[in-house]
Amino acid sequence: MYSENELESLLKKLNKHLENQDKNWTSFIFSKNKKFYQSFMELNIDGERSTENRIKQYKLNSYFSNEKNALDIGCNSGFFSLMISDDLKNIDGVEINPFLIDMGNEVKQFIKNTNCSFFVTSFEKYSSDKKYDLIFSLANDETIDGNTKFTFEEYIEKIFNLLLKNGILIFESQAADAYDKNKFKPKLEFLLKKFDVLEERIVTSEYPINVPNRIFMILKKKI
């Protein structure tokens, strides 16, 4: 679909964004050795976590349709959002790191995507008149870079208010929650006050390497 020269040119541009991030972003970077966090293997982009494997494990096809709007909180470089966008009406990605959004927009332009929008902002400051059918919270309810200011309750409350009636929250736990069930227990208790559990399972994760699994849940907003 894409020529070798086109892919090499794209990768050079993306690597330039990685360099700018390394030089100018003072918070923790969720990747190492100038590597991408998310993969996009169709474009020969490798990452710390395989986007393709995540999509396969999440098994979300039955929740997608070209009539649904979605929000991806902490979308990183936006590769996950872009890869699922064909199955949705549109998807918005929110990410505080502007260099990651630069990467997402670079790929968006390259693949000529028209239904994915990226916003440089924290979730706390994100504002929209839009209500969503689906919201992705994939290991983003708290972050080790210190940029998350919400309590878990505030975070979930905002998601609840951004969802349409019967909206779906697709939730992946923090790495620490997967191996410390006592830490996750109060989070789960609060989630159950606001949502009904449709699915719950364990998914594998390549990053960080010391935490090979995460808790994955599909939750429906209570009326």
N, C-alpha and C. Protein backbone atom coordinates (compact mmCIF):
# COMPACT_ATOMS: atom_id res chain seq x y z
N MET A 1 0.83 -1.20 0.00
CA MET A 1 0.00 0.00 0.00
C MET A 1 0.86 1.26 0.00
N TYR A 2 1.91 1.23 0.80
CA TYR A 2 2.85 2.36 0.85
C TYR A 2 4.21 1.90 0.34
N SER A 3 4.90 2.78 -0.35
CA SER A 3 6.22 2.42 -0.87
C SER A 3 7.25 2.48 0.25
N GLU A 4 8.36 1.83 0.02
CA GLU A 4 9.45 1.83 1.00
C GLU A 4 9.96 3.25 1.24
N ASN A 5 10.04 4.04 0.18
CA ASN A 5 10.50 5.42 0.33
C ASN A 5 9.53 6.26 1.15
N GLU A 6 8.24 6.04 0.93
CA GLU A 6 7.23 6.78 1.71
C GLU A 6 7.33 6.44 3.20
N LEU A 7 7.50 5.14 3.51
CA LEU A 7 7.59 4.72 4.90
C LEU A 7 8.88 5.23 5.55
N GLU A 8 9.96 5.22 4.82
CA GLU A 8 11.23 5.74 5.36
C GLU A 8 11.12 7.23 5.64
N SER A 9 10.47 7.96 4.76
CA SER A 9 10.29 9.40 4.95
C SER A 9 9.43 9.67 6.19
N LEU A 10 8.36 8.89 6.36
CA LEU A 10 7.51 9.05 7.54
C LEU A 10 8.29 8.77 8.81
N LEU A 11 9.07 7.69 8.81
CA LEU A 11 9.83 7.33 10.00
C LEU A 11 10.84 8.41 10.37
N LYS A 12 11.45 9.03 9.39
CA LYS A 12 12.39 10.13 9.67
C LYS A 12 11.68 11.29 10.36
N LYS A 13 10.49 11.61 9.90
CA LYS A 13 9.72 12.69 10.52
C LYS A 13 9.33 12.34 11.95
N LEU A 14 8.91 11.09 12.16
CA LEU A 14 8.52 10.65 13.50
C LEU A 14 9.71 10.63 14.44
N ASN A 15 10.86 10.18 13.94
CA ASN A 15 12.07 10.18 14.77
C ASN A 15 12.48 11.59 15.17
N LYS A 16 12.20 12.55 14.29
CA LYS A 16 12.49 13.95 14.62
C LYS A 16 11.62 14.41 15.78
N HIS A 17 10.37 13.97 15.79
CA HIS A 17 9.48 14.29 16.90
C HIS A 17 9.96 13.63 18.19
N LEU A 18 10.48 12.40 18.07
CA LEU A 18 11.06 11.73 19.25
C LEU A 18 12.24 12.52 19.79
N GLU A 19 13.09 13.01 18.91
CA GLU A 19 14.25 13.81 19.32
C GLU A 19 13.79 15.09 20.02
N ASN A 20 12.80 15.75 19.46
CA ASN A 20 12.29 16.98 20.08
C ASN A 20 11.70 16.69 21.45
N GLN A 21 11.03 15.55 21.57
CA GLN A 21 10.48 15.15 22.86
C GLN A 21 11.59 14.93 23.88
N ASP A 22 12.64 14.21 23.49
CA ASP A 22 13.75 13.93 24.40
C ASP A 22 14.42 15.21 24.88
N LYS A 23 14.48 16.20 24.00
CA LYS A 23 15.15 17.45 24.33
C LYS A 23 14.29 18.40 25.15
N ASN A 24 12.97 18.35 24.93
CA ASN A 24 12.13 19.42 25.44
C ASN A 24 11.03 19.01 26.42
N TRP A 25 10.73 17.72 26.51
CA TRP A 25 9.66 17.29 27.41
C TRP A 25 10.29 16.90 28.74
N THR A 26 9.92 17.61 29.79
CA THR A 26 10.59 17.43 31.09
C THR A 26 9.97 16.33 31.94
N SER A 27 8.77 15.87 31.60
CA SER A 27 8.12 14.81 32.36
C SER A 27 8.61 13.44 31.90
N PHE A 28 8.21 12.42 32.65
CA PHE A 28 8.57 11.05 32.31
C PHE A 28 8.06 10.69 30.92
N ILE A 29 8.88 9.98 30.16
CA ILE A 29 8.50 9.53 28.82
C ILE A 29 8.23 8.02 28.86
N PHE A 30 7.05 7.61 28.39
CA PHE A 30 6.64 6.21 28.49
C PHE A 30 7.22 5.37 27.35
N SER A 31 8.48 5.42 27.20
CA SER A 31 9.22 4.59 26.24
C SER A 31 10.69 4.79 26.57
N LYS A 32 11.55 4.04 25.92
CA LYS A 32 12.98 4.14 26.22
C LYS A 32 13.78 4.01 24.94
N ASN A 33 15.01 4.47 25.02
CA ASN A 33 15.94 4.34 23.89
C ASN A 33 15.36 4.92 22.60
N LYS A 34 14.69 6.09 22.74
CA LYS A 34 14.12 6.78 21.57
C LYS A 34 13.22 5.85 20.76
N LYS A 35 12.40 5.10 21.48
CA LYS A 35 11.48 4.16 20.85
C LYS A 35 10.04 4.64 21.06
N PHE A 36 9.15 4.24 20.17
CA PHE A 36 7.75 4.60 20.31
C PHE A 36 7.09 3.71 21.36
N TYR A 37 6.08 4.28 22.05
CA TYR A 37 5.34 3.48 23.04
C TYR A 37 4.35 2.56 22.33
N GLN A 38 3.66 3.08 21.31
CA GLN A 38 2.68 2.29 20.57
C GLN A 38 3.26 1.89 19.22
N SER A 39 2.86 0.73 18.76
CA SER A 39 3.30 0.28 17.44
C SER A 39 2.25 0.60 16.39
N PHE A 40 2.68 0.58 15.14
CA PHE A 40 1.78 0.71 13.98
C PHE A 40 2.48 -0.06 12.87
N MET A 41 2.39 -1.39 12.93
CA MET A 41 3.24 -2.24 12.11
C MET A 41 2.94 -2.13 10.62
N GLU A 42 1.73 -1.72 10.25
CA GLU A 42 1.43 -1.50 8.84
C GLU A 42 2.36 -0.42 8.26
N LEU A 43 2.83 0.47 9.15
CA LEU A 43 3.73 1.55 8.73
C LEU A 43 5.17 1.28 9.17
N ASN A 44 5.46 0.04 9.57
CA ASN A 44 6.79 -0.36 10.03
C ASN A 44 7.24 0.40 11.28
N ILE A 45 6.26 0.73 12.14
CA ILE A 45 6.56 1.43 13.39
C ILE A 45 6.44 0.44 14.54
N ASP A 46 7.57 0.14 15.17
CA ASP A 46 7.57 -0.76 16.32
C ASP A 46 7.38 0.06 17.59
N GLY A 47 6.92 -0.59 18.65
CA GLY A 47 6.67 0.13 19.89
C GLY A 47 6.87 -0.73 21.12
N GLU A 48 6.91 -0.08 22.28
CA GLU A 48 7.05 -0.80 23.55
C GLU A 48 5.86 -1.74 23.77
N ARG A 49 4.66 -1.28 23.37
CA ARG A 49 3.47 -2.12 23.45
C ARG A 49 2.90 -2.29 22.05
N SER A 50 2.52 -3.50 21.73
CA SER A 50 1.97 -3.80 20.41
C SER A 50 0.52 -3.36 20.33
N THR A 51 0.25 -2.34 19.53
CA THR A 51 -1.12 -1.88 19.34
C THR A 51 -1.96 -2.99 18.72
N GLU A 52 -1.37 -3.69 17.79
CA GLU A 52 -2.09 -4.77 17.11
C GLU A 52 -2.50 -5.87 18.09
N ASN A 53 -1.60 -6.23 18.98
CA ASN A 53 -1.89 -7.26 19.97
C ASN A 53 -2.96 -6.79 20.95
N ARG A 54 -2.90 -5.51 21.33
CA ARG A 54 -3.89 -4.97 22.26
C ARG A 54 -5.28 -5.02 21.63
N ILE A 55 -5.40 -4.58 20.39
CA ILE A 55 -6.70 -4.59 19.72
C ILE A 55 -7.24 -6.02 19.62
N LYS A 56 -6.36 -6.96 19.32
CA LYS A 56 -6.77 -8.36 19.21
C LYS A 56 -7.27 -8.89 20.55
N GLN A 57 -6.57 -8.56 21.62
CA GLN A 57 -6.95 -9.04 22.95
C GLN A 57 -8.22 -8.38 23.47
N TYR A 58 -8.42 -7.11 23.16
CA TYR A 58 -9.56 -6.39 23.70
C TYR A 58 -10.89 -6.90 23.14
N LYS A 59 -10.90 -7.41 21.91
CA LYS A 59 -12.10 -8.01 21.32
C LYS A 59 -13.30 -7.05 21.39
N LEU A 60 -13.16 -5.93 20.70
CA LEU A 60 -14.14 -4.85 20.83
C LEU A 60 -15.08 -4.70 19.64
N ASN A 61 -14.97 -5.57 18.66
CA ASN A 61 -15.75 -5.38 17.42
C ASN A 61 -17.24 -5.23 17.67
N SER A 62 -17.77 -5.95 18.64
CA SER A 62 -19.22 -5.90 18.88
C SER A 62 -19.66 -4.57 19.49
N TYR A 63 -18.70 -3.79 19.98
CA TYR A 63 -19.03 -2.49 20.59
C TYR A 63 -18.81 -1.34 19.61
N PHE A 64 -18.26 -1.63 18.45
CA PHE A 64 -17.96 -0.61 17.46
C PHE A 64 -19.08 -0.50 16.42
N SER A 65 -19.26 0.68 15.87
CA SER A 65 -20.10 0.89 14.70
C SER A 65 -19.77 2.25 14.12
N ASN A 66 -20.13 2.46 12.87
CA ASN A 66 -19.84 3.74 12.22
C ASN A 66 -20.80 4.84 12.64
N GLU A 67 -21.60 4.58 13.67
CA GLU A 67 -22.49 5.60 14.23
C GLU A 67 -22.02 6.05 15.61
N LYS A 68 -20.91 5.48 16.10
CA LYS A 68 -20.49 5.75 17.47
C LYS A 68 -19.30 6.71 17.55
N ASN A 69 -19.37 7.60 18.56
CA ASN A 69 -18.29 8.53 18.87
C ASN A 69 -17.48 7.97 20.03
N ALA A 70 -16.17 8.15 19.99
CA ALA A 70 -15.30 7.62 21.04
C ALA A 70 -14.31 8.66 21.51
N LEU A 71 -13.84 8.48 22.73
CA LEU A 71 -12.80 9.32 23.32
C LEU A 71 -11.71 8.42 23.87
N ASP A 72 -10.46 8.74 23.54
CA ASP A 72 -9.30 7.98 24.03
C ASP A 72 -8.52 8.89 24.96
N ILE A 73 -8.57 8.60 26.27
CA ILE A 73 -7.91 9.43 27.28
C ILE A 73 -6.44 9.04 27.38
N GLY A 74 -5.56 10.02 27.28
CA GLY A 74 -4.13 9.73 27.33
C GLY A 74 -3.74 8.90 26.12
N CYS A 75 -4.04 9.42 24.94
CA CYS A 75 -3.92 8.62 23.71
C CYS A 75 -2.49 8.40 23.25
N ASN A 76 -1.51 8.99 23.94
CA ASN A 76 -0.10 8.86 23.56
C ASN A 76 0.08 9.37 22.13
N SER A 77 0.69 8.59 21.25
CA SER A 77 0.92 9.04 19.87
C SER A 77 -0.31 8.86 18.99
N GLY A 78 -1.38 8.34 19.55
CA GLY A 78 -2.63 8.23 18.81
C GLY A 78 -2.72 7.07 17.84
N PHE A 79 -1.72 6.19 17.85
CA PHE A 79 -1.74 5.08 16.90
C PHE A 79 -2.91 4.14 17.16
N PHE A 80 -3.21 3.90 18.44
CA PHE A 80 -4.36 3.05 18.77
C PHE A 80 -5.64 3.68 18.23
N SER A 81 -5.84 4.97 18.48
CA SER A 81 -7.04 5.66 17.99
C SER A 81 -7.15 5.57 16.48
N LEU A 82 -6.04 5.82 15.80
CA LEU A 82 -6.05 5.80 14.34
C LEU A 82 -6.36 4.41 13.79
N MET A 83 -5.86 3.39 14.46
CA MET A 83 -6.05 2.02 13.95
C MET A 83 -7.47 1.52 14.11
N ILE A 84 -8.22 2.04 15.09
CA ILE A 84 -9.60 1.60 15.27
C ILE A 84 -10.61 2.58 14.65
N SER A 85 -10.12 3.69 14.13
CA SER A 85 -11.02 4.75 13.68
C SER A 85 -11.91 4.33 12.52
N ASP A 86 -11.46 3.40 11.69
CA ASP A 86 -12.28 2.95 10.56
C ASP A 86 -13.57 2.29 11.01
N ASP A 87 -13.60 1.81 12.25
CA ASP A 87 -14.78 1.11 12.77
C ASP A 87 -15.69 2.01 13.58
N LEU A 88 -15.42 3.33 13.58
CA LEU A 88 -16.18 4.28 14.37
C LEU A 88 -16.61 5.47 13.51
N LYS A 89 -17.59 6.22 14.01
CA LYS A 89 -17.97 7.47 13.34
C LYS A 89 -16.83 8.47 13.47
N ASN A 90 -16.36 8.65 14.70
CA ASN A 90 -15.16 9.47 14.94
C ASN A 90 -14.59 9.16 16.31
N ILE A 91 -13.35 9.56 16.52
CA ILE A 91 -12.69 9.35 17.80
C ILE A 91 -11.81 10.55 18.11
N ASP A 92 -11.89 11.01 19.35
CA ASP A 92 -11.05 12.11 19.84
C ASP A 92 -9.99 11.54 20.77
N GLY A 93 -8.77 12.02 20.62
CA GLY A 93 -7.68 11.61 21.48
C GLY A 93 -7.17 12.78 22.30
N VAL A 94 -7.03 12.58 23.61
CA VAL A 94 -6.56 13.62 24.52
C VAL A 94 -5.20 13.21 25.06
N GLU A 95 -4.23 14.10 24.95
CA GLU A 95 -2.86 13.78 25.39
C GLU A 95 -2.15 15.08 25.80
N ILE A 96 -1.54 15.08 26.98
CA ILE A 96 -0.89 16.29 27.49
C ILE A 96 0.46 16.57 26.85
N ASN A 97 1.09 15.54 26.31
CA ASN A 97 2.43 15.68 25.71
C ASN A 97 2.29 16.12 24.25
N PRO A 98 2.68 17.36 23.92
CA PRO A 98 2.47 17.86 22.55
C PRO A 98 3.30 17.14 21.49
N PHE A 99 4.43 16.57 21.89
CA PHE A 99 5.29 15.88 20.92
C PHE A 99 4.65 14.57 20.47
N LEU A 100 3.91 13.93 21.37
CA LEU A 100 3.17 12.73 20.99
C LEU A 100 2.03 13.07 20.03
N ILE A 101 1.36 14.18 20.28
CA ILE A 101 0.30 14.62 19.38
C ILE A 101 0.87 14.97 18.01
N ASP A 102 2.08 15.54 17.99
CA ASP A 102 2.74 15.80 16.71
C ASP A 102 2.92 14.51 15.91
N MET A 103 3.30 13.44 16.62
CA MET A 103 3.46 12.14 15.95
C MET A 103 2.12 11.64 15.43
N GLY A 104 1.08 11.75 16.25
CA GLY A 104 -0.23 11.30 15.84
C GLY A 104 -0.73 12.04 14.61
N ASN A 105 -0.55 13.35 14.60
CA ASN A 105 -0.99 14.14 13.45
C ASN A 105 -0.16 13.84 12.20
N GLU A 106 1.11 13.51 12.41
CA GLU A 106 1.97 13.14 11.29
C GLU A 106 1.44 11.88 10.59
N VAL A 107 1.09 10.89 11.41
CA VAL A 107 0.57 9.64 10.86
C VAL A 107 -0.84 9.84 10.31
N LYS A 108 -1.64 10.63 11.01
CA LYS A 108 -2.99 10.93 10.52
C LYS A 108 -2.95 11.51 9.11
N GLN A 109 -2.05 12.46 8.90
CA GLN A 109 -1.91 13.06 7.58
C GLN A 109 -1.40 12.04 6.55
N PHE A 110 -0.48 11.21 6.99
CA PHE A 110 0.13 10.23 6.08
C PHE A 110 -0.91 9.23 5.57
N ILE A 111 -1.76 8.74 6.47
CA ILE A 111 -2.75 7.73 6.07
C ILE A 111 -4.06 8.36 5.58
N LYS A 112 -4.10 9.70 5.58
CA LYS A 112 -5.27 10.45 5.11
C LYS A 112 -6.52 10.15 5.93
N ASN A 113 -6.34 10.08 7.23
CA ASN A 113 -7.46 9.85 8.14
C ASN A 113 -8.30 11.12 8.26
N THR A 114 -9.63 10.96 8.32
CA THR A 114 -10.52 12.11 8.39
C THR A 114 -11.46 12.11 9.60
N ASN A 115 -11.41 11.09 10.44
CA ASN A 115 -12.37 11.04 11.55
C ASN A 115 -11.72 10.88 12.91
N CYS A 116 -10.45 11.26 13.01
CA CYS A 116 -9.73 11.19 14.28
C CYS A 116 -9.16 12.57 14.57
N SER A 117 -9.44 13.10 15.77
CA SER A 117 -8.96 14.42 16.17
C SER A 117 -8.16 14.31 17.46
N PHE A 118 -7.05 15.05 17.52
CA PHE A 118 -6.19 15.01 18.70
C PHE A 118 -6.16 16.37 19.39
N PHE A 119 -6.14 16.33 20.73
CA PHE A 119 -6.16 17.55 21.53
C PHE A 119 -5.01 17.53 22.54
N VAL A 120 -4.22 18.58 22.53
CA VAL A 120 -3.11 18.70 23.48
C VAL A 120 -3.65 19.32 24.76
N THR A 121 -3.95 18.49 25.73
CA THR A 121 -4.47 18.96 27.01
C THR A 121 -4.47 17.80 27.99
N SER A 122 -4.52 18.13 29.26
CA SER A 122 -4.75 17.09 30.27
C SER A 122 -6.22 16.73 30.26
N PHE A 123 -6.55 15.55 30.76
CA PHE A 123 -7.96 15.15 30.84
C PHE A 123 -8.71 16.08 31.80
N GLU A 124 -8.02 16.53 32.85
CA GLU A 124 -8.64 17.44 33.81
C GLU A 124 -9.14 18.70 33.13
N LYS A 125 -8.38 19.20 32.16
CA LYS A 125 -8.73 20.46 31.50
C LYS A 125 -9.55 20.26 30.22
N TYR A 126 -9.67 19.03 29.79
CA TYR A 126 -10.41 18.77 28.55
C TYR A 126 -11.88 19.13 28.71
N SER A 127 -12.39 19.86 27.74
CA SER A 127 -13.79 20.29 27.77
C SER A 127 -14.42 20.02 26.42
N SER A 128 -15.63 19.48 26.43
CA SER A 128 -16.33 19.18 25.19
C SER A 128 -17.83 19.19 25.42
N ASP A 129 -18.55 19.73 24.44
CA ASP A 129 -20.01 19.67 24.48
C ASP A 129 -20.50 18.31 23.99
N LYS A 130 -19.58 17.55 23.41
CA LYS A 130 -19.92 16.24 22.86
C LYS A 130 -20.07 15.20 23.97
N LYS A 131 -21.03 14.31 23.80
CA LYS A 131 -21.15 13.13 24.65
C LYS A 131 -20.73 11.91 23.83
N TYR A 132 -20.13 10.94 24.51
CA TYR A 132 -19.51 9.82 23.81
C TYR A 132 -20.24 8.50 24.05
N ASP A 133 -20.25 7.67 23.01
CA ASP A 133 -20.76 6.31 23.13
C ASP A 133 -19.73 5.41 23.83
N LEU A 134 -18.45 5.66 23.54
CA LEU A 134 -17.35 4.85 24.07
C LEU A 134 -16.26 5.76 24.61
N ILE A 135 -15.72 5.41 25.76
CA ILE A 135 -14.54 6.10 26.29
C ILE A 135 -13.51 5.06 26.67
N PHE A 136 -12.28 5.26 26.17
CA PHE A 136 -11.16 4.39 26.48
C PHE A 136 -10.33 4.99 27.61
N SER A 137 -10.17 4.24 28.67
CA SER A 137 -9.24 4.59 29.74
C SER A 137 -8.26 3.43 29.85
N LEU A 138 -7.21 3.49 29.07
CA LEU A 138 -6.27 2.38 28.97
C LEU A 138 -5.02 2.72 29.77
N ALA A 139 -5.01 2.26 31.04
CA ALA A 139 -3.89 2.51 31.96
C ALA A 139 -3.62 4.00 32.12
N ASN A 140 -4.71 4.79 32.29
CA ASN A 140 -4.56 6.23 32.37
C ASN A 140 -5.25 6.88 33.56
N ASP A 141 -5.79 6.12 34.49
CA ASP A 141 -6.48 6.75 35.61
C ASP A 141 -5.51 7.40 36.60
N GLU A 142 -4.24 7.01 36.52
CA GLU A 142 -3.17 7.70 37.24
C GLU A 142 -1.89 7.44 36.48
N THR A 143 -0.94 8.36 36.56
CA THR A 143 0.29 8.21 35.78
C THR A 143 1.50 8.50 36.63
N ILE A 144 2.60 7.82 36.34
CA ILE A 144 3.80 7.98 37.16
C ILE A 144 4.58 9.25 36.81
N ASP A 145 4.12 9.99 35.78
CA ASP A 145 4.83 11.22 35.43
C ASP A 145 4.40 12.40 36.30
N GLY A 146 3.41 12.18 37.17
CA GLY A 146 2.98 13.24 38.07
C GLY A 146 2.02 14.24 37.46
N ASN A 147 1.59 14.01 36.21
CA ASN A 147 0.71 14.97 35.53
C ASN A 147 -0.77 14.74 35.81
N THR A 148 -1.11 13.61 36.41
CA THR A 148 -2.51 13.35 36.75
C THR A 148 -2.84 14.03 38.07
N LYS A 149 -3.85 14.90 38.04
CA LYS A 149 -4.23 15.65 39.23
C LYS A 149 -5.53 15.16 39.85
N PHE A 150 -6.37 14.51 39.06
CA PHE A 150 -7.63 13.99 39.57
C PHE A 150 -7.40 12.87 40.57
N THR A 151 -8.28 12.77 41.57
CA THR A 151 -8.40 11.53 42.32
C THR A 151 -9.09 10.52 41.41
N PHE A 152 -9.06 9.26 41.77
CA PHE A 152 -9.72 8.25 40.94
C PHE A 152 -11.21 8.54 40.84
N GLU A 153 -11.81 8.96 41.95
CA GLU A 153 -13.24 9.26 41.95
C GLU A 153 -13.56 10.42 41.01
N GLU A 154 -12.74 11.47 41.03
CA GLU A 154 -12.96 12.61 40.14
C GLU A 154 -12.79 12.20 38.68
N TYR A 155 -11.81 11.37 38.44
CA TYR A 155 -11.53 10.88 37.09
C TYR A 155 -12.72 10.11 36.53
N ILE A 156 -13.23 9.16 37.30
CA ILE A 156 -14.35 8.34 36.86
C ILE A 156 -15.62 9.17 36.74
N GLU A 157 -15.80 10.11 37.64
CA GLU A 157 -16.98 10.97 37.59
C GLU A 157 -17.02 11.78 36.29
N LYS A 158 -15.87 12.26 35.87
CA LYS A 158 -15.83 13.02 34.61
C LYS A 158 -16.13 12.11 33.43
N ILE A 159 -15.58 10.92 33.43
CA ILE A 159 -15.89 9.96 32.37
C ILE A 159 -17.38 9.68 32.33
N PHE A 160 -17.97 9.45 33.50
CA PHE A 160 -19.41 9.15 33.60
C PHE A 160 -20.23 10.27 32.97
N ASN A 161 -19.85 11.51 33.24
CA ASN A 161 -20.60 12.66 32.73
C ASN A 161 -20.39 12.89 31.24
N LEU A 162 -19.27 12.41 30.69
CA LEU A 162 -19.00 12.55 29.26
C LEU A 162 -19.66 11.45 28.42
N LEU A 163 -20.11 10.40 29.08
CA LEU A 163 -20.74 9.28 28.37
C LEU A 163 -22.23 9.53 28.14
N LEU A 164 -22.70 9.08 26.99
CA LEU A 164 -24.12 9.08 26.72
C LEU A 164 -24.83 8.05 27.61
N LYS A 165 -26.14 8.12 27.64
CA LYS A 165 -26.92 7.10 28.33
C LYS A 165 -26.55 5.73 27.76
N ASN A 166 -26.29 4.78 28.63
CA ASN A 166 -25.86 3.43 28.25
C ASN A 166 -24.49 3.42 27.59
N GLY A 167 -23.70 4.49 27.76
CA GLY A 167 -22.35 4.54 27.20
C GLY A 167 -21.43 3.50 27.81
N ILE A 168 -20.36 3.22 27.10
CA ILE A 168 -19.44 2.14 27.47
C ILE A 168 -18.07 2.72 27.85
N LEU A 169 -17.55 2.30 29.00
CA LEU A 169 -16.19 2.60 29.42
C LEU A 169 -15.33 1.36 29.20
N ILE A 170 -14.28 1.50 28.43
CA ILE A 170 -13.34 0.41 28.20
C ILE A 170 -12.11 0.71 29.04
N PHE A 171 -11.91 -0.09 30.07
CA PHE A 171 -10.97 0.23 31.13
C PHE A 171 -9.86 -0.81 31.24
N GLU A 172 -8.61 -0.35 31.16
CA GLU A 172 -7.45 -1.19 31.42
C GLU A 172 -6.73 -0.64 32.63
N SER A 173 -6.34 -1.51 33.53
CA SER A 173 -5.76 -1.06 34.80
C SER A 173 -4.32 -0.57 34.65
N GLN A 174 -3.90 0.16 35.66
CA GLN A 174 -2.49 0.48 35.80
C GLN A 174 -1.70 -0.81 36.01
N ALA A 175 -0.42 -0.75 35.70
CA ALA A 175 0.42 -1.93 35.90
C ALA A 175 0.39 -2.37 37.37
N ALA A 176 0.49 -1.41 38.28
CA ALA A 176 0.54 -1.74 39.71
C ALA A 176 -0.73 -2.40 40.19
N ASP A 177 -1.88 -2.02 39.61
CA ASP A 177 -3.15 -2.59 40.04
C ASP A 177 -3.25 -4.08 39.72
N ALA A 178 -2.54 -4.51 38.69
CA ALA A 178 -2.62 -5.91 38.26
C ALA A 178 -1.96 -6.85 39.25
N TYR A 179 -0.93 -6.38 39.96
CA TYR A 179 -0.26 -7.27 40.90
C TYR A 179 -0.53 -6.90 42.36
N ASP A 180 -1.26 -5.82 42.61
CA ASP A 180 -1.63 -5.45 43.97
C ASP A 180 -3.14 -5.30 44.02
N LYS A 181 -3.85 -6.40 44.27
CA LYS A 181 -5.31 -6.38 44.24
C LYS A 181 -5.88 -5.49 45.34
N ASN A 182 -5.16 -5.32 46.44
CA ASN A 182 -5.63 -4.44 47.50
C ASN A 182 -5.67 -2.99 47.02
N LYS A 183 -4.73 -2.64 46.15
CA LYS A 183 -4.70 -1.29 45.59
C LYS A 183 -5.87 -1.07 44.64
N PHE A 184 -6.21 -2.11 43.89
CA PHE A 184 -7.28 -1.98 42.92
C PHE A 184 -8.67 -2.09 43.55
N LYS A 185 -8.77 -2.73 44.69
CA LYS A 185 -10.08 -2.99 45.31
C LYS A 185 -10.94 -1.74 45.48
N PRO A 186 -10.40 -0.64 46.08
CA PRO A 186 -11.26 0.55 46.21
C PRO A 186 -11.63 1.17 44.87
N LYS A 187 -10.78 1.05 43.88
CA LYS A 187 -11.12 1.54 42.55
C LYS A 187 -12.30 0.75 41.99
N LEU A 188 -12.23 -0.57 42.14
CA LEU A 188 -13.29 -1.44 41.64
C LEU A 188 -14.61 -1.13 42.35
N GLU A 189 -14.55 -0.92 43.64
CA GLU A 189 -15.76 -0.62 44.40
C GLU A 189 -16.43 0.65 43.89
N PHE A 190 -15.62 1.65 43.54
CA PHE A 190 -16.20 2.88 43.03
C PHE A 190 -16.74 2.70 41.62
N LEU A 191 -16.01 1.95 40.80
CA LEU A 191 -16.49 1.67 39.45
C LEU A 191 -17.86 1.00 39.47
N LEU A 192 -18.05 0.08 40.40
CA LEU A 192 -19.30 -0.67 40.47
C LEU A 192 -20.48 0.20 40.92
N LYS A 193 -20.19 1.34 41.52
CA LYS A 193 -21.25 2.28 41.89
C LYS A 193 -21.80 3.00 40.66
N LYS A 194 -20.96 3.14 39.65
CA LYS A 194 -21.32 3.94 38.48
C LYS A 194 -21.59 3.10 37.22
N PHE A 195 -21.08 1.86 37.22
CA PHE A 195 -21.14 1.04 36.01
C PHE A 195 -21.52 -0.40 36.32
N ASP A 196 -22.10 -1.04 35.31
CA ASP A 196 -22.32 -2.48 35.33
C ASP A 196 -21.21 -3.14 34.52
N VAL A 197 -20.71 -4.27 34.99
CA VAL A 197 -19.63 -4.97 34.31
C VAL A 197 -20.19 -5.87 33.21
N LEU A 198 -19.79 -5.61 31.99
CA LEU A 198 -20.18 -6.46 30.86
C LEU A 198 -19.16 -7.57 30.63
N GLU A 199 -17.88 -7.22 30.76
CA GLU A 199 -16.81 -8.20 30.57
C GLU A 199 -15.66 -7.85 31.51
N GLU A 200 -14.96 -8.89 31.95
CA GLU A 200 -13.76 -8.69 32.77
C GLU A 200 -12.79 -9.82 32.49
N ARG A 201 -11.54 -9.49 32.22
CA ARG A 201 -10.53 -10.51 31.97
C ARG A 201 -9.14 -9.92 32.17
N ILE A 202 -8.15 -10.78 32.08
CA ILE A 202 -6.75 -10.38 32.17
C ILE A 202 -6.17 -10.34 30.76
N VAL A 203 -5.46 -9.25 30.46
CA VAL A 203 -4.77 -9.15 29.17
C VAL A 203 -3.27 -9.05 29.42
N THR A 204 -2.50 -9.47 28.45
CA THR A 204 -1.05 -9.41 28.59
C THR A 204 -0.54 -8.02 28.21
N SER A 205 0.65 -7.71 28.71
CA SER A 205 1.24 -6.40 28.45
C SER A 205 2.75 -6.55 28.37
N GLU A 206 3.34 -5.95 27.34
CA GLU A 206 4.80 -6.04 27.18
C GLU A 206 5.55 -4.98 27.97
N TYR A 207 4.81 -3.99 28.49
CA TYR A 207 5.48 -2.85 29.14
C TYR A 207 4.70 -2.43 30.37
N PRO A 208 5.34 -2.24 31.52
CA PRO A 208 6.75 -2.56 31.78
C PRO A 208 6.95 -4.07 31.86
N ILE A 209 8.16 -4.50 31.62
CA ILE A 209 8.41 -5.94 31.48
C ILE A 209 8.19 -6.71 32.77
N ASN A 210 8.23 -6.02 33.93
CA ASN A 210 8.04 -6.71 35.20
C ASN A 210 6.56 -6.91 35.53
N VAL A 211 5.67 -6.37 34.71
CA VAL A 211 4.24 -6.55 34.92
C VAL A 211 3.63 -7.07 33.62
N PRO A 212 3.56 -8.40 33.46
CA PRO A 212 3.14 -8.98 32.18
C PRO A 212 1.63 -8.98 31.94
N ASN A 213 0.83 -8.62 32.97
CA ASN A 213 -0.62 -8.67 32.83
C ASN A 213 -1.29 -7.40 33.36
N ARG A 214 -2.47 -7.13 32.83
CA ARG A 214 -3.29 -6.02 33.32
C ARG A 214 -4.74 -6.48 33.42
N ILE A 215 -5.50 -5.82 34.28
CA ILE A 215 -6.92 -6.08 34.40
C ILE A 215 -7.64 -5.30 33.30
N PHE A 216 -8.54 -5.96 32.61
CA PHE A 216 -9.28 -5.32 31.51
C PHE A 216 -10.77 -5.50 31.75
N MET A 217 -11.52 -4.39 31.64
CA MET A 217 -12.97 -4.42 31.90
C MET A 217 -13.70 -3.61 30.86
N ILE A 218 -14.90 -4.09 30.51
CA ILE A 218 -15.83 -3.35 29.68
C ILE A 218 -17.04 -3.06 30.55
N LEU A 219 -17.32 -1.78 30.73
CA LEU A 219 -18.30 -1.34 31.73
C LEU A 219 -19.39 -0.49 31.07
N LYS A 220 -20.62 -0.71 31.47
CA LYS A 220 -21.76 0.04 30.93
C LYS A 220 -22.27 1.02 31.96
N LYS A 221 -22.45 2.26 31.55
CA LYS A 221 -22.94 3.31 32.44
C LYS A 221 -24.31 2.96 33.01
N LYS A 222 -24.43 3.09 34.32
CA LYS A 222 -25.71 2.84 34.95
C LYS A 222 -26.63 4.01 34.70
N ILE A 223 -27.90 3.71 34.52
CA ILE A 223 -28.90 4.76 34.27
C ILE A 223 -29.32 5.39 35.59
